Protein backbone atom coordinates (compact mmCIF):
# COMPACT_ATOMS: atom_id res chain seq x y z
CA MET A 1 10.01 -63.06 -21.74
CA HIS A 2 9.38 -65.03 -24.92
CA VAL A 3 6.10 -66.77 -24.10
CA LEU A 4 4.47 -69.72 -25.83
CA VAL A 5 0.68 -69.80 -25.47
CA ILE A 6 -0.79 -73.28 -25.87
CA GLY A 7 -4.51 -73.15 -26.60
CA ALA A 8 -4.08 -69.75 -28.22
CA ASN A 9 -7.21 -70.01 -30.37
CA GLY A 10 -9.55 -70.58 -27.42
CA THR A 11 -11.64 -67.76 -26.00
CA THR A 12 -9.34 -67.19 -23.03
CA GLY A 13 -6.24 -68.06 -25.05
CA LYS A 14 -6.88 -65.26 -27.56
CA MET A 15 -7.16 -62.78 -24.71
CA VAL A 16 -3.87 -64.03 -23.28
CA VAL A 17 -2.17 -63.66 -26.67
CA GLU A 18 -3.49 -60.14 -27.14
CA LYS A 19 -2.42 -59.01 -23.67
CA LEU A 20 1.07 -60.46 -24.12
CA ALA A 21 1.43 -58.85 -27.54
CA LYS A 22 0.47 -55.44 -26.16
CA SER A 23 2.94 -55.76 -23.31
CA GLU A 24 6.40 -54.22 -23.62
CA GLN A 25 7.81 -57.02 -21.46
CA HIS A 26 6.99 -60.04 -23.60
CA LEU A 27 7.16 -61.60 -27.05
CA VAL A 28 4.48 -64.15 -27.83
CA LYS A 29 4.34 -67.34 -29.88
CA ALA A 30 0.84 -68.75 -30.38
CA MET A 31 0.27 -72.48 -30.86
CA VAL A 32 -2.79 -73.28 -33.00
CA ARG A 33 -3.99 -76.50 -34.63
CA LYS A 34 -5.13 -75.18 -38.01
CA THR A 35 -3.34 -73.15 -40.65
CA GLU A 36 -6.34 -70.86 -41.09
CA GLN A 37 -6.07 -69.84 -37.41
CA ALA A 38 -2.57 -68.45 -37.96
CA SER A 39 -3.81 -65.22 -39.54
CA THR A 40 -5.86 -64.44 -36.43
CA MET A 41 -2.78 -64.84 -34.27
CA LYS A 42 -0.78 -62.54 -36.54
CA LYS A 43 -3.49 -59.88 -36.28
CA LEU A 44 -3.29 -60.15 -32.49
CA GLY A 45 0.46 -59.55 -32.65
CA ALA A 46 1.76 -63.10 -32.15
CA SER A 47 4.01 -65.39 -34.14
CA PRO A 48 1.86 -68.46 -34.91
CA VAL A 49 3.10 -72.03 -34.87
CA ILE A 50 1.01 -74.97 -36.12
CA ALA A 51 0.90 -77.97 -33.78
CA ASP A 52 -1.55 -80.43 -32.26
CA LEU A 53 -1.62 -81.48 -28.61
CA GLU A 54 -2.60 -84.98 -29.66
CA ASN A 55 0.59 -85.41 -31.72
CA ASP A 56 4.26 -84.60 -31.13
CA PHE A 57 4.89 -80.89 -30.72
CA ASP A 58 8.24 -80.53 -28.99
CA TYR A 59 9.45 -78.15 -31.72
CA VAL A 60 7.13 -75.40 -30.46
CA MET A 61 9.33 -74.99 -27.38
CA GLU A 62 12.28 -73.68 -29.38
CA ASP A 63 13.40 -70.18 -28.41
CA VAL A 64 10.83 -69.66 -25.62
CA ASN A 65 11.52 -69.26 -21.91
CA ALA A 66 7.94 -69.37 -20.63
CA VAL A 67 4.75 -71.31 -21.37
CA ILE A 68 1.14 -70.47 -20.64
CA PHE A 69 -0.97 -73.61 -21.05
CA ALA A 70 -4.52 -72.37 -21.63
CA ALA A 71 -5.80 -75.31 -23.67
CA GLY A 72 -8.82 -77.23 -22.49
CA SER A 73 -11.50 -79.46 -23.91
CA GLY A 74 -14.03 -78.29 -21.31
CA PRO A 75 -16.16 -80.54 -19.09
CA ASP A 76 -18.84 -80.99 -21.75
CA THR A 77 -16.75 -82.80 -24.36
CA GLY A 78 -16.37 -86.56 -24.48
CA SER A 79 -14.11 -88.22 -21.94
CA ASP A 80 -11.62 -89.31 -24.61
CA LYS A 81 -11.06 -85.74 -25.78
CA THR A 82 -10.77 -84.50 -22.21
CA THR A 83 -8.08 -87.08 -21.46
CA ALA A 84 -6.25 -86.35 -24.71
CA VAL A 85 -6.14 -82.57 -24.26
CA ASP A 86 -6.41 -81.71 -20.57
CA GLU A 87 -4.27 -84.56 -19.25
CA LEU A 88 -2.06 -86.15 -21.90
CA GLY A 89 -1.56 -82.97 -23.93
CA ALA A 90 -0.67 -81.02 -20.82
CA LYS A 91 1.74 -83.71 -19.64
CA LYS A 92 3.53 -83.71 -22.99
CA ALA A 93 3.83 -79.93 -22.89
CA ILE A 94 5.30 -80.14 -19.40
CA ASP A 95 7.79 -82.81 -20.44
CA TYR A 96 8.86 -80.85 -23.52
CA ALA A 97 9.27 -77.70 -21.43
CA ARG A 98 11.46 -79.56 -18.97
CA GLU A 99 13.60 -80.96 -21.79
CA LYS A 100 14.06 -77.43 -23.17
CA SER A 101 14.78 -75.93 -19.70
CA VAL A 102 11.86 -73.49 -19.92
CA GLU A 103 12.03 -71.00 -17.04
CA ARG A 104 8.30 -70.58 -16.23
CA PHE A 105 5.24 -72.74 -16.81
CA ILE A 106 1.78 -71.35 -16.04
CA ILE A 107 -1.13 -73.77 -16.35
CA LEU A 108 -4.82 -72.90 -16.42
CA SER A 109 -6.52 -75.47 -14.21
CA SER A 110 -9.85 -75.32 -12.35
CA VAL A 111 -11.30 -74.95 -8.90
CA GLY A 112 -11.92 -78.50 -7.70
CA ALA A 113 -8.90 -79.98 -9.47
CA ASP A 114 -7.22 -80.62 -6.12
CA ASN A 115 -10.13 -82.85 -5.02
CA PRO A 116 -12.03 -84.34 -7.98
CA SER A 117 -13.79 -86.94 -5.80
CA ALA A 118 -15.91 -84.15 -4.30
CA TYR A 119 -17.64 -83.93 -7.70
CA ALA A 120 -18.08 -87.68 -8.30
CA ASP A 121 -21.86 -87.25 -8.71
CA ASN A 122 -21.27 -85.27 -11.93
CA GLU A 123 -19.58 -87.77 -14.24
CA SER A 124 -18.34 -85.42 -16.97
CA PHE A 125 -17.10 -82.75 -14.55
CA TYR A 126 -15.50 -85.41 -12.37
CA HIS A 127 -13.58 -86.79 -15.36
CA TYR A 128 -12.55 -83.26 -16.36
CA LEU A 129 -11.24 -82.50 -12.87
CA LYS A 130 -9.39 -85.83 -12.70
CA ALA A 131 -7.62 -84.91 -15.94
CA LYS A 132 -6.75 -81.47 -14.58
CA ASN A 133 -5.56 -83.02 -11.32
CA ALA A 134 -3.27 -85.44 -13.15
CA ALA A 135 -1.78 -82.60 -15.21
CA ASP A 136 -1.32 -80.39 -12.16
CA LEU A 137 0.46 -83.15 -10.23
CA HIS A 138 2.70 -83.88 -13.21
CA LEU A 139 3.67 -80.21 -13.29
CA VAL A 140 4.35 -80.08 -9.55
CA ASN A 141 6.66 -83.09 -9.85
CA SER A 142 8.37 -81.87 -13.03
CA GLY A 143 10.98 -79.65 -11.43
CA LEU A 144 9.75 -76.69 -13.49
CA ASN A 145 9.10 -73.28 -11.96
CA TYR A 146 5.32 -73.51 -12.17
CA THR A 147 2.17 -71.66 -11.19
CA ILE A 148 -1.21 -73.42 -11.20
CA VAL A 149 -4.14 -71.03 -11.72
CA ARG A 150 -7.52 -72.43 -10.64
CA PRO A 151 -10.45 -70.14 -11.47
CA GLY A 152 -14.04 -70.78 -10.54
CA ALA A 153 -16.89 -70.68 -13.05
CA LEU A 154 -15.90 -68.69 -16.15
CA VAL A 155 -18.24 -66.05 -17.58
CA ASP A 156 -18.14 -64.02 -20.79
CA GLU A 157 -18.67 -60.62 -19.21
CA PRO A 158 -16.55 -57.44 -19.17
CA ALA A 159 -13.43 -57.61 -17.03
CA THR A 160 -13.68 -56.19 -13.53
CA GLY A 161 -9.95 -56.02 -12.84
CA LYS A 162 -10.63 -57.29 -9.32
CA ILE A 163 -10.43 -60.75 -7.79
CA LYS A 164 -10.19 -62.66 -4.56
CA ALA A 165 -7.47 -65.28 -4.51
CA SER A 166 -6.15 -67.82 -2.06
CA THR A 167 -4.32 -71.12 -2.04
CA LYS A 168 -7.70 -72.48 -0.97
CA LEU A 169 -10.79 -70.28 -1.06
CA SER A 170 -13.23 -70.68 1.82
CA SER A 171 -16.09 -70.68 -0.70
CA ILE A 172 -16.15 -71.18 -4.46
CA ALA A 173 -19.60 -69.63 -4.89
CA GLY A 174 -19.32 -67.03 -7.61
CA SER A 175 -17.61 -66.66 -10.96
CA ILE A 176 -14.80 -64.89 -12.78
CA THR A 177 -14.63 -63.28 -16.20
CA ARG A 178 -12.46 -64.88 -18.85
CA GLU A 179 -10.67 -61.60 -19.43
CA ASP A 180 -9.74 -61.33 -15.75
CA VAL A 181 -8.41 -64.90 -15.94
CA ALA A 182 -6.33 -63.94 -18.98
CA THR A 183 -4.90 -60.96 -17.09
CA VAL A 184 -3.98 -63.17 -14.15
CA LEU A 185 -2.25 -65.70 -16.41
CA VAL A 186 -0.12 -62.97 -17.97
CA GLU A 187 0.68 -61.17 -14.73
CA SER A 188 1.58 -64.45 -13.01
CA LEU A 189 4.62 -64.74 -15.26
CA LEU A 190 6.54 -62.08 -13.34
CA VAL A 191 5.25 -62.44 -9.76
CA GLU A 192 7.98 -64.20 -7.80
CA GLY A 193 5.62 -64.98 -4.93
CA LEU A 194 3.69 -67.30 -7.23
CA HIS A 195 6.63 -69.55 -7.99
CA ARG A 196 5.78 -73.23 -7.41
CA LYS A 197 2.34 -72.39 -6.09
CA PRO A 198 -1.29 -73.25 -6.90
CA PHE A 199 -4.09 -70.83 -6.13
CA GLU A 200 -7.85 -70.46 -6.58
CA MET A 201 -9.66 -67.30 -7.60
CA LEU A 202 -13.01 -65.65 -8.26
CA ASN A 203 -13.96 -62.09 -9.01
CA GLY A 204 -13.76 -60.08 -5.82
CA GLU A 205 -12.87 -56.68 -4.40
CA THR A 206 -9.06 -56.58 -4.71
CA GLU A 207 -7.16 -55.29 -7.72
CA ILE A 208 -5.52 -58.18 -9.56
CA GLU A 209 -1.95 -56.97 -9.04
CA LYS A 210 -2.44 -56.54 -5.31
CA ALA A 211 -4.27 -59.86 -4.95
CA LEU A 212 -1.43 -61.73 -6.66
CA GLU A 213 1.22 -59.97 -4.61
CA ALA A 214 -0.66 -60.90 -1.42
CA LEU A 215 -0.39 -64.57 -2.31
């Protein structure tokens, strides 16, 4: 597949780009905001394209048949930036992908995005989850062949290659490495059982490929 990675310069996004570039099954286009970030993408094996989620960027969808949306402001940025990137930016990407008849759309969401009100006592995280929820619902209603990936707490530790995954985990206590999340995003592209499905995940005891197939 020819895959566009949105949020390619983020920590997880760079891992996604690198894994796609090393794969014999995919070509990768990396969307970055700044010209100076393009050289990093080239070194990782991607074709960079300069665009900003807060402006028009429909042209980045040319010649791709899959999108991995890994952009995110994070729960610790201001509410305006969270809305602009995690909700409005994602919605625009979804709309552009629909207009271009993109075959697959994978979005990196978050555990809790299906029920933001459960986190109403944490204002910034609540706003972040509301933005993710709005983007996820927009994707579900878009008609695109989507997968919504909802990891728990992200950690910068070595990949384990093992996860536990479910449409709804019985407990979200735990964490997952960013590299394992990146692997899941890439592998989700070709798992038919994940079509039009959301799922939650943490590091666990099952190899990623088997865990995804079980879904």
